[in-house]
């Protein structure tokens, strides 16, 4: 089994990023405040079902890219969520 190039992996992951329409819905829902701590300005988008999990389990791209799978978070909370 060959190893996938870093570029190919990155391009495949990009297919799972939130489109602008989903980002806009998430921002409207959050009001610009971190949906995790509720105290900080949110600047990042977190996938509730992680892209890596989706890729490993064959979860449809449309599910991962949907606004219901996203949280608007501050960098500190995003780091905490990614390390769980």
Protein backbone atom coordinates (compact mmCIF):
# COMPACT_ATOMS: atom_id res chain seq x y z
CA UNK A 1 0.00 0.00 0.00
CA UNK A 2 1.43 3.35 -1.05
CA UNK A 3 1.41 6.40 1.11
CA UNK A 4 -0.72 9.31 0.08
CA UNK A 5 1.21 12.52 -0.57
CA UNK A 6 0.81 15.40 1.86
CA UNK A 7 -0.64 17.51 -0.94
CA UNK A 8 -3.25 14.87 -1.80
CA UNK A 9 -4.23 14.56 1.87
CA UNK A 10 -4.54 18.33 2.21
CA UNK A 11 -6.66 18.55 -0.93
CA UNK A 12 -8.91 15.73 0.28
CA UNK A 13 -9.33 17.46 3.67
CA UNK A 14 -10.20 20.73 1.93
CA UNK A 15 -13.26 18.97 0.50
CA UNK A 16 -14.56 18.80 4.08
CA UNK A 17 -14.02 22.45 5.04
CA UNK A 18 -17.09 24.58 5.73
CA UNK A 19 -18.37 26.48 2.70
CA UNK A 20 -19.03 30.20 3.11
CA UNK A 21 -22.78 29.60 3.42
CA UNK A 22 -22.24 27.28 6.43
CA UNK A 23 -19.72 29.69 7.97
CA UNK A 24 -22.26 32.51 7.67
CA UNK A 25 -24.96 30.41 9.37
CA UNK A 26 -22.56 29.52 12.20
CA UNK A 27 -21.58 33.19 12.70
CA UNK A 28 -25.22 34.27 12.80
CA UNK A 29 -26.03 31.53 15.31
CA UNK A 30 -23.08 32.43 17.57
CA UNK A 31 -23.51 36.19 17.35
CA UNK A 32 -19.72 36.37 17.10
CA UNK A 33 -19.21 34.95 20.60
CA UNK A 34 -17.41 31.69 21.32
CA UNK A 35 -19.98 28.89 21.50
CA UNK A 36 -17.80 27.01 23.97
CA UNK A 37 -16.86 29.55 26.68
CA UNK A 38 -19.42 32.23 25.83
CA UNK A 39 -17.02 34.98 26.84
CA UNK A 40 -14.56 35.54 24.02
CA UNK A 41 -14.85 36.78 20.45
CA UNK A 42 -15.08 33.77 18.14
CA UNK A 43 -12.67 33.76 15.19
CA UNK A 44 -12.40 30.07 14.26
CA UNK A 45 -14.65 27.22 13.14
CA UNK A 46 -14.54 23.82 14.82
CA UNK A 47 -15.88 20.59 13.29
CA UNK A 48 -17.88 18.71 15.92
CA UNK A 49 -17.31 15.48 13.97
CA UNK A 50 -13.65 15.88 13.07
CA UNK A 51 -12.53 15.63 9.45
CA UNK A 52 -10.13 12.80 10.32
CA UNK A 53 -12.96 10.81 11.93
CA UNK A 54 -15.15 11.43 8.89
CA UNK A 55 -12.44 10.26 6.51
CA UNK A 56 -11.72 7.15 8.57
CA UNK A 57 -15.39 6.20 8.84
CA UNK A 58 -16.68 7.13 5.41
CA UNK A 59 -18.98 9.89 6.68
CA UNK A 60 -20.38 11.93 3.80
CA UNK A 61 -18.72 15.21 2.98
CA UNK A 62 -22.09 16.98 3.08
CA UNK A 63 -22.59 15.98 6.72
CA UNK A 64 -19.20 17.30 7.78
CA UNK A 65 -19.59 20.57 5.85
CA UNK A 66 -23.05 21.35 7.27
CA UNK A 67 -23.42 24.22 9.74
CA UNK A 68 -24.92 21.82 12.33
CA UNK A 69 -21.51 20.16 12.50
CA UNK A 70 -19.75 23.43 13.29
CA UNK A 71 -19.06 25.63 16.27
CA UNK A 72 -17.81 29.21 16.23
CA UNK A 73 -15.05 29.31 18.82
CA UNK A 74 -12.15 31.34 20.14
CA UNK A 75 -8.61 30.02 19.51
CA UNK A 76 -8.17 28.88 23.13
CA UNK A 77 -11.36 26.80 23.11
CA UNK A 78 -10.59 25.47 19.64
CA UNK A 79 -7.26 24.16 20.86
CA UNK A 80 -8.93 22.53 23.87
CA UNK A 81 -11.59 20.91 21.67
CA UNK A 82 -9.00 19.57 19.22
CA UNK A 83 -6.97 18.04 22.06
CA UNK A 84 -9.88 16.12 23.61
